[in-house]
Amino acid sequence: MPELPEVETVTRTLTLIAAGKTIESVVVSLPRIIQRPQEPEAFAAALAGHTIQTVERRGKFIRIVLDGLVLVSHLRMEGRYGLYDAGEPVAKHTHVRFRFTDGTELRYQDVRQFGTMHLFEPGEEFAQPPLAKLGLEPLEETFTLEALRGLLAKRTTMIKPLLLNQAYIVGLGNIYVDEALHLAGIHPETTADRLKPEQWRKLHASIRATLERAVAAGGSSVKSYVNGQGDAGRFQHELLVYGRKNEPCSGCGAPIVKTVVGGRGTHFCAACQPLPSVRRKRSEAAIR
């Protein structure tokens, strides 16, 4: 699933290729993609005649801001957008087509068919699902060290599942949580209440640094991700632990370990990210 850096990259690309274009009509080929309103015909009728002003991001969601409406789109596993001439052949798995008055189309493709679209009046989207209960944006000024500790420091849950919880911090997924924890030297099974002040400082800095570097690289194309112009990300070449099971750690040379934490495949270096002794035996048993 695209995480913050990938969605941010798609958002910036969509602003470049679609802002200023006016929707002439909308073709919906897979009705279940449209979640609000529930009727695809109402969705298409509401958008006709509106102009895209800009495209923004909230967590892993894309906000397409029009003159008088906001379209909230979630790519889920395999969703992608692309701009085409209206006469170009329509590729398989193209489920929504936004036809513009200039003869181009913004097409939404989704092999897995898990993506969603919600249409709102401006401002209404923040009080309604799916955006209503999202947490802090880790690249905004509100994401301070104090805010991070205030949210999580007293919790007895393992740190990795907490960081994946979008109600606390948005945009972090499996790739970037593994990378941030490695950079901070924190074992993913460490419970939040056992982290020391210096570890919180390192974690806060590593989350920001990892995401900023990934955004600058256009995200990670670990599977099928491409941006709105069909370009792959480059950050997969800079990953320190994710997807590198049994490869040597770049910091110490020890083999990268893969285990399961909170139901998610998890990569880390046992030497650089030592587990507090109270949980060590359980972790070693899981690895075996």
C-alpha atoms as a PDB file:
ATOM      1  CA  MET A   1       0.000   0.000   0.000  1.00  0.00           C
ATOM      2  CA  PRO A   2       1.369   3.443  -0.866  1.00  0.00           C
ATOM      3  CA  GLU A   3       2.535   5.270   2.259  1.00  0.00           C
ATOM      4  CA  LEU A   4       3.027   8.974   2.919  1.00  0.00           C
ATOM      5  CA  PRO A   5       5.984   9.516   0.537  1.00  0.00           C
ATOM      6  CA  GLU A   6       4.256   7.757  -2.349  1.00  0.00           C
ATOM      7  CA  VAL A   7       0.937   9.550  -1.806  1.00  0.00           C
ATOM      8  CA  GLU A   8       2.735  12.887  -1.443  1.00  0.00           C
ATOM      9  CA  THR A   9       4.504  12.243  -4.740  1.00  0.00           C
ATOM     10  CA  VAL A  10       1.240  11.327  -6.489  1.00  0.00           C
ATOM     11  CA  THR A  11      -0.393  14.429  -5.020  1.00  0.00           C
ATOM     12  CA  ARG A  12       2.328  16.715  -6.349  1.00  0.00           C
ATOM     13  CA  THR A  13       2.203  15.040  -9.742  1.00  0.00           C
ATOM     14  CA  LEU A  14      -1.580  15.361  -9.973  1.00  0.00           C
ATOM     15  CA  THR A  15      -1.330  19.063  -9.183  1.00  0.00           C
ATOM     16  CA  LEU A  16       1.070  19.451 -12.112  1.00  0.00           C
ATOM     17  CA  ILE A  17      -0.982  17.493 -14.633  1.00  0.00           C
ATOM     18  CA  ALA A  18      -4.579  18.208 -13.587  1.00  0.00           C
ATOM     19  CA  ALA A  19      -4.849  21.551 -11.766  1.00  0.00           C
ATOM     20  CA  GLY A  20      -6.783  24.079 -13.824  1.00  0.00           C
ATOM     21  CA  LYS A  21      -8.623  21.459 -15.858  1.00  0.00           C
ATOM     22  CA  THR A  22     -12.428  21.457 -15.963  1.00  0.00           C
ATOM     23  CA  ILE A  23     -14.354  18.192 -15.785  1.00  0.00           C
ATOM     24  CA  GLU A  24     -16.756  17.694 -18.671  1.00  0.00           C
ATOM     25  CA  SER A  25     -18.033  14.272 -17.623  1.00  0.00           C
ATOM     26  CA  VAL A  26     -17.150  11.257 -15.483  1.00  0.00           C
ATOM     27  CA  VAL A  27     -17.338   7.580 -16.476  1.00  0.00           C
ATOM     28  CA  VAL A  28     -17.513   5.048 -13.637  1.00  0.00           C
ATOM     29  CA  SER A  29     -16.943   1.425 -14.668  1.00  0.00           C
ATOM     30  CA  LEU A  30     -16.704  -0.084 -11.172  1.00  0.00           C
ATOM     31  CA  PRO A  31     -19.428   1.390  -8.946  1.00  0.00           C
ATOM     32  CA  ARG A  32     -18.038   0.103  -5.642  1.00  0.00           C
ATOM     33  CA  ILE A  33     -15.057   2.461  -5.943  1.00  0.00           C
ATOM     34  CA  ILE A  34     -17.510   5.315  -5.329  1.00  0.00           C
ATOM     35  CA  GLN A  35     -18.361   5.431  -1.612  1.00  0.00           C
ATOM     36  CA  ARG A  36     -19.985   8.872  -1.344  1.00  0.00           C
ATOM     37  CA  PRO A  37     -22.471   9.469  -2.801  1.00  0.00           C
ATOM     38  CA  GLN A  38     -23.348   5.802  -3.178  1.00  0.00           C
ATOM     39  CA  GLU A  39     -24.829   6.231  -6.643  1.00  0.00           C
ATOM     40  CA  PRO A  40     -22.157   6.548  -9.366  1.00  0.00           C
ATOM     41  CA  GLU A  41     -24.576   8.602 -11.469  1.00  0.00           C
ATOM     42  CA  ALA A  42     -24.894  11.187  -8.682  1.00  0.00           C
ATOM     43  CA  PHE A  43     -21.109  11.235  -8.287  1.00  0.00           C
ATOM     44  CA  ALA A  44     -20.596  11.897 -11.988  1.00  0.00           C
ATOM     45  CA  ALA A  45     -23.350  14.528 -12.204  1.00  0.00           C
ATOM     46  CA  ALA A  46     -22.005  16.430  -9.188  1.00  0.00           C
ATOM     47  CA  LEU A  47     -18.492  16.700 -10.662  1.00  0.00           C
ATOM     48  CA  ALA A  48     -19.477  17.800 -14.177  1.00  0.00           C
ATOM     49  CA  GLY A  49     -18.535  21.422 -14.805  1.00  0.00           C
ATOM     50  CA  HIS A  50     -16.180  21.755 -11.831  1.00  0.00           C
ATOM     51  CA  THR A  51     -12.536  22.762 -12.135  1.00  0.00           C
ATOM     52  CA  ILE A  52      -9.657  21.175 -10.231  1.00  0.00           C
ATOM     53  CA  GLN A  53      -7.884  23.876  -8.240  1.00  0.00           C
ATOM     54  CA  THR A  54      -5.189  21.895  -6.450  1.00  0.00           C
ATOM     55  CA  VAL A  55      -4.420  18.451  -5.049  1.00  0.00           C
ATOM     56  CA  GLU A  56      -3.397  17.911  -1.436  1.00  0.00           C
ATOM     57  CA  ARG A  57      -2.673  15.041   0.926  1.00  0.00           C
ATOM     58  CA  ARG A  58      -4.053  14.023   4.328  1.00  0.00           C
ATOM     59  CA  GLY A  59      -2.271  10.975   5.650  1.00  0.00           C
ATOM     60  CA  LYS A  60      -2.464   8.331   2.916  1.00  0.00           C
ATOM     61  CA  PHE A  61      -5.472  10.032   1.312  1.00  0.00           C
ATOM     62  CA  ILE A  62      -5.501  12.323  -1.725  1.00  0.00           C
ATOM     63  CA  ARG A  63      -7.690  15.457  -1.577  1.00  0.00           C
ATOM     64  CA  ILE A  64      -8.606  16.715  -5.030  1.00  0.00           C
ATOM     65  CA  VAL A  65      -9.847  20.233  -4.349  1.00  0.00           C
ATOM     66  CA  LEU A  66     -12.282  21.626  -6.919  1.00  0.00           C
ATOM     67  CA  ASP A  67     -14.268  24.840  -7.072  1.00  0.00           C
ATOM     68  CA  GLY A  68     -17.029  23.924  -4.628  1.00  0.00           C
ATOM     69  CA  LEU A  69     -16.274  20.238  -4.032  1.00  0.00           C
ATOM     70  CA  VAL A  70     -13.550  18.027  -2.551  1.00  0.00           C
ATOM     71  CA  LEU A  71     -12.865  14.511  -3.800  1.00  0.00           C
ATOM     72  CA  VAL A  72     -11.102  12.264  -1.260  1.00  0.00           C
ATOM     73  CA  SER A  73      -9.341   9.332  -2.906  1.00  0.00           C
ATOM     74  CA  HIS A  74      -7.534   6.383  -1.329  1.00  0.00           C
ATOM     75  CA  LEU A  75      -5.275   4.291  -3.578  1.00  0.00           C
ATOM     76  CA  ARG A  76      -5.215   1.298  -1.214  1.00  0.00           C
ATOM     77  CA  MET A  77      -2.995  -1.489  -2.605  1.00  0.00           C
ATOM     78  CA  GLU A  78      -2.633  -0.886  -6.338  1.00  0.00           C
ATOM     79  CA  GLY A  79      -4.544   2.280  -7.263  1.00  0.00           C
ATOM     80  CA  ARG A  80      -2.919   4.756  -9.648  1.00  0.00           C
ATOM     81  CA  TYR A  81      -3.803   7.852 -11.684  1.00  0.00           C
ATOM     82  CA  GLY A  82      -2.619   8.866 -15.128  1.00  0.00           C
ATOM     83  CA  LEU A  83      -3.398  11.578 -17.685  1.00  0.00           C
ATOM     84  CA  TYR A  84      -4.284  10.459 -21.215  1.00  0.00           C
ATOM     85  CA  ASP A  85      -5.699  11.842 -24.434  1.00  0.00           C
ATOM     86  CA  ALA A  86      -9.382  10.973 -24.613  1.00  0.00           C
ATOM     87  CA  GLY A  87      -8.842   8.949 -27.795  1.00  0.00           C
ATOM     88  CA  GLU A  88      -6.181   6.662 -26.343  1.00  0.00           C
ATOM     89  CA  PRO A  89      -7.169   3.024 -25.731  1.00  0.00           C
ATOM     90  CA  VAL A  90      -8.504   2.427 -22.235  1.00  0.00           C
ATOM     91  CA  ALA A  91      -6.315  -0.019 -20.329  1.00  0.00           C
ATOM     92  CA  LYS A  92      -7.682  -2.969 -18.413  1.00  0.00           C
ATOM     93  CA  HIS A  93      -8.606  -2.223 -14.788  1.00  0.00           C
ATOM     94  CA  THR A  94      -9.466   1.412 -15.563  1.00  0.00           C
ATOM     95  CA  HIS A  95     -12.425   2.049 -13.267  1.00  0.00           C
ATOM     96  CA  VAL A  96     -13.004   5.831 -13.255  1.00  0.00           C
ATOM     97  CA  ARG A  97     -12.357   8.337 -16.054  1.00  0.00           C
ATOM     98  CA  PHE A  98     -12.559  12.077 -15.539  1.00  0.00           C
ATOM     99  CA  ARG A  99     -13.016  13.639 -18.977  1.00  0.00           C
ATOM    100  CA  PHE A 100     -11.762  17.226 -19.225  1.00  0.00           C
ATOM    101  CA  THR A 101     -12.939  19.958 -21.567  1.00  0.00           C
ATOM    102  CA  ASP A 102      -9.482  20.127 -23.188  1.00  0.00           C
ATOM    103  CA  GLY A 103      -9.743  16.606 -24.620  1.00  0.00           C
ATOM    104  CA  THR A 104      -7.682  14.824 -21.958  1.00  0.00           C
ATOM    105  CA  GLU A 105      -8.753  12.328 -19.305  1.00  0.00           C
ATOM    106  CA  LEU A 106      -7.558  11.595 -15.790  1.00  0.00           C
ATOM    107  CA  ARG A 107      -7.921   7.831 -15.417  1.00  0.00           C
ATOM    108  CA  TYR A 108      -7.965   5.812 -12.222  1.00  0.00           C
ATOM    109  CA  GLN A 109      -6.701   2.238 -12.556  1.00  0.00           C
ATOM    110  CA  ASP A 110      -6.790  -0.361  -9.803  1.00  0.00           C
ATOM    111  CA  VAL A 111      -5.916  -4.012 -10.351  1.00  0.00           C
ATOM    112  CA  ARG A 112      -6.949  -5.028  -6.832  1.00  0.00           C
ATOM    113  CA  GLN A 113     -10.111  -2.866  -6.898  1.00  0.00           C
ATOM    114  CA  PHE A 114      -9.719  -1.779  -3.254  1.00  0.00           C
ATOM    115  CA  GLY A 115      -9.488   1.976  -3.861  1.00  0.00           C
ATOM    116  CA  THR A 116     -12.203   4.373  -2.707  1.00  0.00           C
ATOM    117  CA  MET A 117     -13.564   7.816  -3.593  1.00  0.00           C
ATOM    118  CA  HIS A 118     -15.676  10.101  -1.404  1.00  0.00           C
ATOM    119  CA  LEU A 119     -17.165  13.431  -2.529  1.00  0.00           C
ATOM    120  CA  PHE A 120     -17.777  16.286  -0.059  1.00  0.00           C
ATOM    121  CA  GLU A 121     -18.660  19.938   0.253  1.00  0.00           C
ATOM    122  CA  PRO A 122     -15.456  21.896   1.070  1.00  0.00           C
ATOM    123  CA  GLY A 123     -14.459  21.476   4.733  1.00  0.00           C
ATOM    124  CA  GLU A 124     -17.044  18.768   5.332  1.00  0.00           C
ATOM    125  CA  GLU A 125     -14.501  16.027   4.582  1.00  0.00           C
ATOM    126  CA  PHE A 126     -12.550  16.608   7.797  1.00  0.00           C
ATOM    127  CA  ALA A 127     -15.589  15.844   9.972  1.00  0.00           C
ATOM    128  CA  GLN A 128     -16.631  12.694   8.094  1.00  0.00           C
ATOM    129  CA  PRO A 129     -15.041   9.310   7.417  1.00  0.00           C
ATOM    130  CA  PRO A 130     -12.489   8.520   6.149  1.00  0.00           C
ATOM    131  CA  LEU A 131     -10.579  11.641   7.317  1.00  0.00           C
ATOM    132  CA  ALA A 132     -12.389  12.383  10.582  1.00  0.00           C
ATOM    133  CA  LYS A 133     -10.200  10.464  13.041  1.00  0.00           C
ATOM    134  CA  LEU A 134      -6.750  10.742  11.525  1.00  0.00           C
ATOM    135  CA  GLY A 135      -3.768  11.627  13.712  1.00  0.00           C
ATOM    136  CA  LEU A 136      -0.785  13.951  13.448  1.00  0.00           C
ATOM    137  CA  GLU A 137       0.934  14.721  10.163  1.00  0.00           C
ATOM    138  CA  PRO A 138       4.584  13.742  10.746  1.00  0.00           C
ATOM    139  CA  LEU A 139       5.974  16.355   8.348  1.00  0.00           C
ATOM    140  CA  GLU A 140       4.036  19.286   9.782  1.00  0.00           C
ATOM    141  CA  GLU A 141       5.034  21.617  12.623  1.00  0.00           C
ATOM    142  CA  THR A 142       2.442  20.063  14.929  1.00  0.00           C
ATOM    143  CA  PHE A 143       4.487  16.851  14.988  1.00  0.00           C
ATOM    144  CA  THR A 144       6.784  17.829  17.824  1.00  0.00           C
ATOM    145  CA  LEU A 145       8.781  15.603  20.158  1.00  0.00           C
ATOM    146  CA  GLU A 146       6.415  16.599  22.960  1.00  0.00           C
ATOM    147  CA  ALA A 147       3.374  15.685  20.865  1.00  0.00           C
ATOM    148  CA  LEU A 148       4.838  12.284  19.980  1.00  0.00           C
ATOM    149  CA  ARG A 149       5.636  11.442  23.589  1.00  0.00           C
ATOM    150  CA  GLY A 150       2.295  12.761  24.782  1.00  0.00           C
ATOM    151  CA  LEU A 151       0.468  10.419  22.431  1.00  0.00           C
ATOM    152  CA  LEU A 152       2.432   7.240  23.004  1.00  0.00           C
ATOM    153  CA  ALA A 153       4.833   7.324  25.963  1.00  0.00           C
ATOM    154  CA  LYS A 154       2.466   5.837  28.543  1.00  0.00           C
ATOM    155  CA  ARG A 155       1.197   3.029  26.363  1.00  0.00           C
ATOM    156  CA  THR A 156       2.221  -0.557  27.031  1.00  0.00           C
ATOM    157  CA  THR A 157       1.778  -1.606  23.389  1.00  0.00           C
ATOM    158  CA  MET A 158       4.776  -2.452  21.192  1.00  0.00           C
ATOM    159  CA  ILE A 159       6.093   0.610  19.408  1.00  0.00           C
ATOM    160  CA  LYS A 160       5.701  -0.687  15.852  1.00  0.00           C
ATOM    161  CA  PRO A 161       1.906  -1.259  15.964  1.00  0.00           C
ATOM    162  CA  LEU A 162       1.514   2.139  17.618  1.00  0.00           C
ATOM    163  CA  LEU A 163       3.390   3.870  14.813  1.00  0.00           C
ATOM    164  CA  LEU A 164       1.245   2.061  12.243  1.00  0.00           C
ATOM    165  CA  ASN A 165      -1.966   3.272  13.911  1.00  0.00           C
ATOM    166  CA  GLN A 166      -3.288   6.098  11.730  1.00  0.00           C
ATOM    167  CA  ALA A 167      -5.287   7.518  14.641  1.00  0.00           C
ATOM    168  CA  TYR A 168      -1.977   8.584  16.246  1.00  0.00           C
ATOM    169  CA  ILE A 169       0.336   9.415  13.356  1.00  0.00           C
ATOM    170  CA  VAL A 170      -0.734   9.354   9.709  1.00  0.00           C
ATOM    171  CA  GLY A 171       1.096   8.165   6.644  1.00  0.00           C
ATOM    172  CA  LEU A 172       3.448   5.645   8.222  1.00  0.00           C
ATOM    173  CA  GLY A 173       3.237   2.104   6.875  1.00  0.00           C
ATOM    174  CA  ASN A 174       5.297  -1.039   7.128  1.00  0.00           C
ATOM    175  CA  ILE A 175       8.248   0.173   5.073  1.00  0.00           C
ATOM    176  CA  TYR A 176       8.862   3.483   6.791  1.00  0.00           C
ATOM    177  CA  VAL A 177       8.173   2.290  10.330  1.00  0.00           C
ATOM    178  CA  ASP A 178      10.828  -0.409   9.908  1.00  0.00           C
ATOM    179  CA  GLU A 179      13.254   2.128   8.468  1.00  0.00           C
ATOM    180  CA  ALA A 180      12.598   4.770  11.128  1.00  0.00           C
ATOM    181  CA  LEU A 181      12.948   2.302  13.999  1.00  0.00           C
ATOM    182  CA  HIS A 182      16.225   1.054  12.572  1.00  0.00           C
ATOM    183  CA  LEU A 183      17.565   4.581  12.207  1.00  0.00           C
ATOM    184  CA  ALA A 184      16.593   5.264  15.826  1.00  0.00           C
ATOM    185  CA  GLY A 185      18.124   1.992  17.073  1.00  0.00           C
ATOM    186  CA  ILE A 186      14.832   0.808  18.589  1.00  0.00           C
ATOM    187  CA  HIS A 187      13.639  -2.800  18.501  1.00  0.00           C
ATOM    188  CA  PRO A 188      10.109  -2.959  17.001  1.00  0.00           C
ATOM    189  CA  GLU A 189       8.806  -5.040  19.938  1.00  0.00           C
ATOM    190  CA  THR A 190       9.875  -2.521  22.579  1.00  0.00           C
ATOM    191  CA  THR A 191       6.793  -1.235  24.391  1.00  0.00           C
ATOM    192  CA  ALA A 192       6.336   2.516  24.246  1.00  0.00           C
ATOM    193  CA  ASP A 193       6.396   2.931  28.020  1.00  0.00           C
ATOM    194  CA  ARG A 194       9.940   1.485  28.145  1.00  0.00           C
ATOM    195  CA  LEU A 195      11.493   3.993  25.755  1.00  0.00           C
ATOM    196  CA  LYS A 196      13.938   6.423  27.337  1.00  0.00           C
ATOM    197  CA  PRO A 197      13.876  10.189  26.616  1.00  0.00           C
ATOM    198  CA  GLU A 198      16.868   9.918  24.278  1.00  0.00           C
ATOM    199  CA  GLN A 199      15.145   7.138  22.347  1.00  0.00           C
ATOM    200  CA  TRP A 200      12.060   9.301  21.894  1.00  0.00           C
ATOM    201  CA  ARG A 201      14.262  12.100  20.575  1.00  0.00           C
ATOM    202  CA  LYS A 202      15.935   9.748  18.116  1.00  0.00           C
ATOM    203  CA  LEU A 203      12.607   8.238  17.033  1.00  0.00           C
ATOM    204  CA  HIS A 204      11.062  11.639  16.386  1.00  0.00           C
ATOM    205  CA  ALA A 205      14.070  12.706  14.324  1.00  0.00           C
ATOM    206  CA  SER A 206      14.259   9.410  12.439  1.00  0.00           C
ATOM    207  CA  ILE A 207      10.578   9.504  11.426  1.00  0.00           C
ATOM    208  CA  ARG A 208      11.014  12.964   9.944  1.00  0.00           C
ATOM    209  CA  ALA A 209      14.356  12.186   8.302  1.00  0.00           C
ATOM    210  CA  THR A 210      13.155   8.918   6.755  1.00  0.00           C
ATOM    211  CA  LEU A 211       9.983  10.447   5.327  1.00  0.00           C
ATOM    212  CA  GLU A 212      11.737  13.563   4.030  1.00  0.00           C
ATOM    213  CA  ARG A 213      14.364  11.482   2.231  1.00  0.00           C
ATOM    214  CA  ALA A 214      11.710   9.185   0.788  1.00  0.00           C
ATOM    215  CA  VAL A 215       9.619  12.109  -0.488  1.00  0.00           C
ATOM    216  CA  ALA A 216      12.718  13.618  -2.089  1.00  0.00           C
ATOM    217  CA  ALA A 217      13.330  10.287  -3.851  1.00  0.00           C
ATOM    218  CA  GLY A 218       9.757  10.050  -5.125  1.00  0.00           C
ATOM    219  CA  GLY A 219       8.794   7.219  -2.762  1.00  0.00           C
ATOM    220  CA  SER A 220       9.600   3.498  -2.893  1.00  0.00           C
ATOM    221  CA  SER A 221       8.585   1.277  -5.812  1.00  0.00           C
ATOM    222  CA  VAL A 222       8.817  -1.987  -3.898  1.00  0.00           C
ATOM    223  CA  LYS A 223       5.946  -3.512  -5.903  1.00  0.00           C
ATOM    224  CA  SER A 224       3.899  -1.709  -8.544  1.00  0.00           C
ATOM    225  CA  TYR A 225       3.861   1.913  -7.381  1.00  0.00           C
ATOM    226  CA  VAL A 226       4.335   4.703  -9.951  1.00  0.00           C
ATOM    227  CA  ASN A 227       3.392   8.378  -9.736  1.00  0.00           C
ATOM    228  CA  GLY A 228       0.809  10.147 -11.900  1.00  0.00           C
ATOM    229  CA  GLN A 229       3.303  10.431 -14.755  1.00  0.00           C
ATOM    230  CA  GLY A 230       4.213   6.748 -14.719  1.00  0.00           C
ATOM    231  CA  ASP A 231       7.571   7.224 -13.003  1.00  0.00           C
ATOM    232  CA  ALA A 232       8.802   4.780 -10.354  1.00  0.00           C
ATOM    233  CA  GLY A 233      10.155   5.905  -7.008  1.00  0.00           C
ATOM    234  CA  ARG A 234      13.853   5.571  -6.119  1.00  0.00           C
ATOM    235  CA  PHE A 235      13.922   5.208  -2.335  1.00  0.00           C
ATOM    236  CA  GLN A 236      13.808   1.401  -2.514  1.00  0.00           C
ATOM    237  CA  HIS A 237      17.498   1.602  -3.376  1.00  0.00           C
ATOM    238  CA  GLU A 238      18.180   3.374  -0.060  1.00  0.00           C
ATOM    239  CA  LEU A 239      16.266   1.057   2.273  1.00  0.00           C
ATOM    240  CA  LEU A 240      18.410  -0.071   5.196  1.00  0.00           C
ATOM    241  CA  VAL A 241      16.371  -3.008   6.515  1.00  0.00           C
ATOM    242  CA  TYR A 242      13.012  -3.412   4.770  1.00  0.00           C
ATOM    243  CA  GLY A 243      13.090  -6.296   2.280  1.00  0.00           C
ATOM    244  CA  ARG A 244      16.709  -7.130   3.159  1.00  0.00           C
ATOM    245  CA  LYS A 245      16.300 -10.335   5.163  1.00  0.00           C
ATOM    246  CA  ASN A 246      19.660 -12.089   5.787  1.00  0.00           C
ATOM    247  CA  GLU A 247      21.598  -9.288   4.072  1.00  0.00           C
ATOM    248  CA  PRO A 248      24.335  -7.587   6.142  1.00  0.00           C
ATOM    249  CA  CYS A 249      23.337  -4.538   8.148  1.00  0.00           C
ATOM    250  CA  SER A 250      24.959  -1.439   6.676  1.00  0.00           C
ATOM    251  CA  GLY A 251      25.871  -0.297  10.171  1.00  0.00           C
ATOM    252  CA  CYS A 252      27.361  -3.387  11.816  1.00  0.00           C
ATOM    253  CA  GLY A 253      27.384  -6.228   9.286  1.00  0.00           C
ATOM    254  CA  ALA A 254      25.024  -8.493  11.237  1.00  0.00           C
ATOM    255  CA  PRO A 255      22.297 -10.174   9.145  1.00  0.00           C
ATOM    256  CA  ILE A 256      18.964  -8.401   8.893  1.00  0.00           C
ATOM    257  CA  VAL A 257      16.235 -10.371  10.657  1.00  0.00           C
ATOM    258  CA  LYS A 258      12.643 -10.756   9.517  1.00  0.00           C
ATOM    259  CA  THR A 259       9.927 -11.638  12.009  1.00  0.00           C
ATOM    260  CA  VAL A 260       6.258 -10.816  12.609  1.00  0.00           C
ATOM    261  CA  VAL A 261       5.229  -7.959  14.911  1.00  0.00           C
ATOM    262  CA  GLY A 262       1.596  -7.062  15.355  1.00  0.00           C
ATOM    263  CA  GLY A 263       0.686  -9.288  12.427  1.00  0.00           C
ATOM    264  CA  ARG A 264       3.055  -7.492  10.044  1.00  0.00           C
ATOM    265  CA  GLY A 265       6.281  -8.713   8.482  1.00  0.00           C
ATOM    266  CA  THR A 266       9.051  -6.770  10.215  1.00  0.00           C
ATOM    267  CA  HIS A 267      12.720  -6.215   9.343  1.00  0.00           C
ATOM    268  CA  PHE A 268      15.378  -5.088  11.823  1.00  0.00           C
ATOM    269  CA  CYS A 269      18.966  -5.565  12.952  1.00  0.00           C
ATOM    270  CA  ALA A 270      19.111  -7.412  16.270  1.00  0.00           C
ATOM    271  CA  ALA A 271      22.553  -5.954  16.996  1.00  0.00           C
ATOM    272  CA  CYS A 272      21.743  -2.301  16.265  1.00  0.00           C
ATOM    273  CA  GLN A 273      18.206  -2.539  17.671  1.00  0.00           C
ATOM    274  CA  PRO A 274      18.526  -4.559  20.897  1.00  0.00           C
ATOM    275  CA  LEU A 275      15.359  -5.696  22.614  1.00  0.00           C
ATOM    276  CA  PRO A 276      14.923  -4.941  26.320  1.00  0.00           C
ATOM    277  CA  SER A 277      15.594  -8.187  28.218  1.00  0.00           C
ATOM    278  CA  VAL A 278      12.025  -8.539  29.486  1.00  0.00           C
ATOM    279  CA  ARG A 279      10.834  -9.321  25.912  1.00  0.00           C
ATOM    280  CA  ARG A 280      13.962 -10.926  24.463  1.00  0.00           C
ATOM    281  CA  LYS A 281      13.041 -14.583  24.949  1.00  0.00           C
ATOM    282  CA  ARG A 282       9.660 -14.157  23.267  1.00  0.00           C
ATOM    283  CA  SER A 283      11.228 -12.449  20.269  1.00  0.00           C
ATOM    284  CA  GLU A 284      13.918 -15.105  19.846  1.00  0.00           C
ATOM    285  CA  ALA A 285      11.267 -17.824  19.906  1.00  0.00           C
ATOM    286  CA  ALA A 286       9.272 -16.044  17.192  1.00  0.00           C
ATOM    287  CA  ILE A 287      12.344 -15.730  14.952  1.00  0.00           C
ATOM    288  CA  ARG A 288      13.118 -19.448  15.274  1.00  0.00           C
END
